[in-house]
Amino acid sequence: MTPSTFSGFTGFLHPLGSRASLGTDLVFVSLFVVLPVLAWSIHLVRSQKRYQLHKRVQVSLSIALLVAIVVFEIDMRFLSDWQQRAIESPYWPGGVWQALGIHLFFAISTVILWTWVIWDALRRFPVPPQPGTHSTRHKVLARLAAADLLLTSISGWVFYWIAFVAG
């Protein structure tokens, strides 16, 4: 199918062989930016003790991811028929749905963990932020959230390829 036969807005990665929508391309590419920024933010707090900058980066990342997810969900639910775009995949339907299920497991748990870590940090750390009694718990939960985001990204990229590139 040509891009014009799909509902919604064709993604900007279409010239590279993708059938994905604009919202899907946005999330796909944003994760390639988010992970290095997350690593840098962790470096800021671990190696340089720059707690305030770490906080700003984490809150900014959270807002950016929330915006990307909202744009993606609006695109998926109201504008684009992702299944129509994925049907040309040689992995349709079984492999596509399996990859989506794995991805959703990590994506949903990441949203829950990330929200919990940010909310808990905003409530428990002093202003300006500095180490305290909450630090150990924050480190454990934040590491889980970061690992979960990495698995969300990897599973999302695999799903993207299986559903929208393979074929």
Protein backbone atom coordinates (compact mmCIF):
# COMPACT_ATOMS: atom_id res chain seq x y z
CA MET A 1 0.00 0.00 0.00
CA THR A 2 1.08 3.55 -0.59
CA PRO A 3 1.15 6.06 2.27
CA SER A 4 -1.94 7.80 0.90
CA THR A 5 -4.03 4.63 1.34
CA PHE A 6 -3.46 4.57 5.08
CA SER A 7 -5.60 6.54 7.50
CA GLY A 8 -3.94 9.28 9.53
CA PHE A 9 -0.66 11.02 8.90
CA THR A 10 2.21 9.13 7.30
CA GLY A 11 5.33 9.11 9.41
CA PHE A 12 8.51 10.94 8.51
CA LEU A 13 10.44 7.65 8.35
CA HIS A 14 8.37 6.50 5.37
CA PRO A 15 11.19 7.32 2.88
CA LEU A 16 13.32 4.79 4.81
CA GLY A 17 10.75 2.03 4.30
CA SER A 18 8.44 2.45 7.28
CA ARG A 19 4.66 2.16 7.10
CA ALA A 20 4.22 3.72 10.55
CA SER A 21 2.20 6.82 11.31
CA LEU A 22 3.57 10.18 12.39
CA GLY A 23 2.82 9.56 16.08
CA THR A 24 4.53 6.18 15.98
CA ASP A 25 7.61 7.63 14.28
CA LEU A 26 7.72 10.40 16.89
CA VAL A 27 7.82 7.94 19.78
CA PHE A 28 10.22 5.60 17.96
CA VAL A 29 12.77 8.38 17.39
CA SER A 30 12.23 10.11 20.75
CA LEU A 31 13.43 7.02 22.60
CA PHE A 32 16.79 7.29 20.80
CA VAL A 33 17.10 10.74 22.38
CA VAL A 34 15.61 9.96 25.79
CA LEU A 35 17.99 7.13 26.71
CA PRO A 36 21.24 9.13 26.28
CA VAL A 37 19.70 12.09 28.14
CA LEU A 38 18.65 9.71 30.93
CA ALA A 39 22.19 8.32 31.11
CA TRP A 40 23.61 11.85 31.23
CA SER A 41 21.18 12.78 34.02
CA ILE A 42 22.23 9.75 36.03
CA HIS A 43 25.87 10.71 35.46
CA LEU A 44 25.11 14.22 36.73
CA VAL A 45 23.86 12.96 40.06
CA ARG A 46 26.24 10.03 40.56
CA SER A 47 29.55 11.54 39.48
CA GLN A 48 29.07 15.27 39.76
CA LYS A 49 26.53 15.52 42.62
CA ARG A 50 24.48 18.00 40.56
CA TYR A 51 21.16 17.21 42.20
CA GLN A 52 19.21 20.27 41.04
CA LEU A 53 20.18 19.77 37.39
CA HIS A 54 19.37 16.05 37.69
CA LYS A 55 15.93 16.96 39.02
CA ARG A 56 15.32 19.43 36.18
CA VAL A 57 16.40 16.95 33.54
CA GLN A 58 14.24 14.17 35.00
CA VAL A 59 11.16 16.37 35.24
CA SER A 60 11.78 17.64 31.69
CA LEU A 61 12.21 14.09 30.39
CA SER A 62 8.98 13.08 32.11
CA ILE A 63 7.09 15.95 30.51
CA ALA A 64 8.60 15.24 27.08
CA LEU A 65 7.69 11.55 27.33
CA LEU A 66 4.18 12.41 28.49
CA VAL A 67 3.70 14.72 25.49
CA ALA A 68 5.05 12.07 23.11
CA ILE A 69 2.75 9.43 24.61
CA VAL A 70 -0.30 11.71 24.41
CA VAL A 71 0.45 12.54 20.74
CA PHE A 72 0.99 8.84 20.07
CA GLU A 73 -2.26 7.79 21.78
CA ILE A 74 -4.29 10.45 19.95
CA ASP A 75 -2.76 9.26 16.69
CA MET A 76 -3.41 5.57 17.44
CA ARG A 77 -6.92 5.94 18.81
CA PHE A 78 -8.38 8.66 16.60
CA LEU A 79 -6.29 9.22 13.47
CA SER A 80 -4.39 6.14 12.30
CA ASP A 81 -5.27 2.50 11.97
CA TRP A 82 -2.02 0.89 13.09
CA GLN A 83 -3.31 -2.59 12.24
CA GLN A 84 -3.95 -1.54 8.64
CA ARG A 85 -0.35 -0.35 8.50
CA ALA A 86 0.98 -3.57 10.10
CA ILE A 87 -0.99 -6.04 7.99
CA GLU A 88 1.70 -6.07 5.29
CA SER A 89 4.20 -7.45 7.78
CA PRO A 90 5.15 -11.09 7.26
CA TYR A 91 4.74 -11.41 11.04
CA TRP A 92 1.06 -10.37 10.95
CA PRO A 93 -0.90 -11.19 13.02
CA GLY A 94 0.80 -13.52 15.54
CA GLY A 95 4.28 -12.04 15.74
CA VAL A 96 3.02 -8.45 15.65
CA TRP A 97 0.57 -9.05 18.51
CA GLN A 98 3.16 -10.96 20.52
CA ALA A 99 5.72 -8.16 20.10
CA LEU A 100 3.06 -5.60 21.03
CA GLY A 101 2.11 -7.56 24.17
CA ILE A 102 5.72 -7.72 25.35
CA HIS A 103 6.20 -4.03 24.61
CA LEU A 104 3.01 -3.02 26.43
CA PHE A 105 4.08 -4.99 29.51
CA PHE A 106 7.24 -2.90 29.77
CA ALA A 107 5.62 0.36 28.63
CA ILE A 108 2.84 0.22 31.22
CA SER A 109 5.16 -0.79 34.04
CA THR A 110 7.54 2.03 33.03
CA VAL A 111 4.79 4.64 33.23
CA ILE A 112 3.80 3.38 36.67
CA LEU A 113 7.38 3.17 37.98
CA TRP A 114 8.51 6.46 36.45
CA THR A 115 5.48 8.29 37.86
CA TRP A 116 6.07 6.75 41.28
CA VAL A 117 9.80 7.65 41.30
CA ILE A 118 9.21 11.25 40.19
CA TRP A 119 6.25 11.82 42.51
CA ASP A 120 8.05 10.26 45.48
CA ALA A 121 11.20 12.30 44.82
CA LEU A 122 9.27 15.55 44.51
CA ARG A 123 7.52 14.83 47.82
CA ARG A 124 10.43 13.49 49.86
CA PHE A 125 13.56 15.35 48.75
CA PRO A 126 14.14 18.85 50.12
CA VAL A 127 14.21 21.95 47.93
CA PRO A 128 16.87 22.33 46.63
CA PRO A 129 17.40 18.57 46.34
CA GLN A 130 20.16 16.88 48.30
CA PRO A 131 20.82 13.38 49.64
CA GLY A 132 18.69 12.31 52.55
CA THR A 133 16.91 9.40 54.17
CA HIS A 134 14.96 8.81 50.97
CA SER A 135 18.09 8.45 48.80
CA THR A 136 18.55 4.67 49.07
CA ARG A 137 14.93 3.94 48.21
CA HIS A 138 15.07 6.46 45.36
CA LYS A 139 18.19 4.84 43.90
CA VAL A 140 16.60 1.37 43.89
CA LEU A 141 13.32 2.54 42.35
CA ALA A 142 15.06 4.83 39.86
CA ARG A 143 17.32 2.00 38.69
CA LEU A 144 14.29 -0.21 38.18
CA ALA A 145 12.53 2.58 36.26
CA ALA A 146 15.60 3.21 34.09
CA ALA A 147 15.98 -0.50 33.31
CA ASP A 148 12.27 -0.68 32.55
CA LEU A 149 12.54 2.30 30.20
CA LEU A 150 15.44 0.60 28.42
CA LEU A 151 13.34 -2.58 28.00
CA THR A 152 10.39 -0.46 26.84
CA SER A 153 12.61 1.15 24.23
CA ILE A 154 14.09 -2.12 22.99
CA SER A 155 10.73 -3.89 22.85
CA GLY A 156 9.21 -0.83 21.16
CA TRP A 157 11.90 -0.76 18.50
CA VAL A 158 11.44 -4.50 17.88
CA PHE A 159 7.66 -4.05 17.63
CA TYR A 160 8.14 -1.11 15.27
CA TRP A 161 10.37 -3.15 12.96
CA ILE A 162 8.14 -6.25 13.06
CA ALA A 163 4.92 -4.28 12.47
CA PHE A 164 5.94 -1.40 10.23
CA VAL A 165 9.22 -2.16 8.48
CA ALA A 166 9.38 -5.92 7.86
CA GLY A 167 7.81 -6.99 4.64
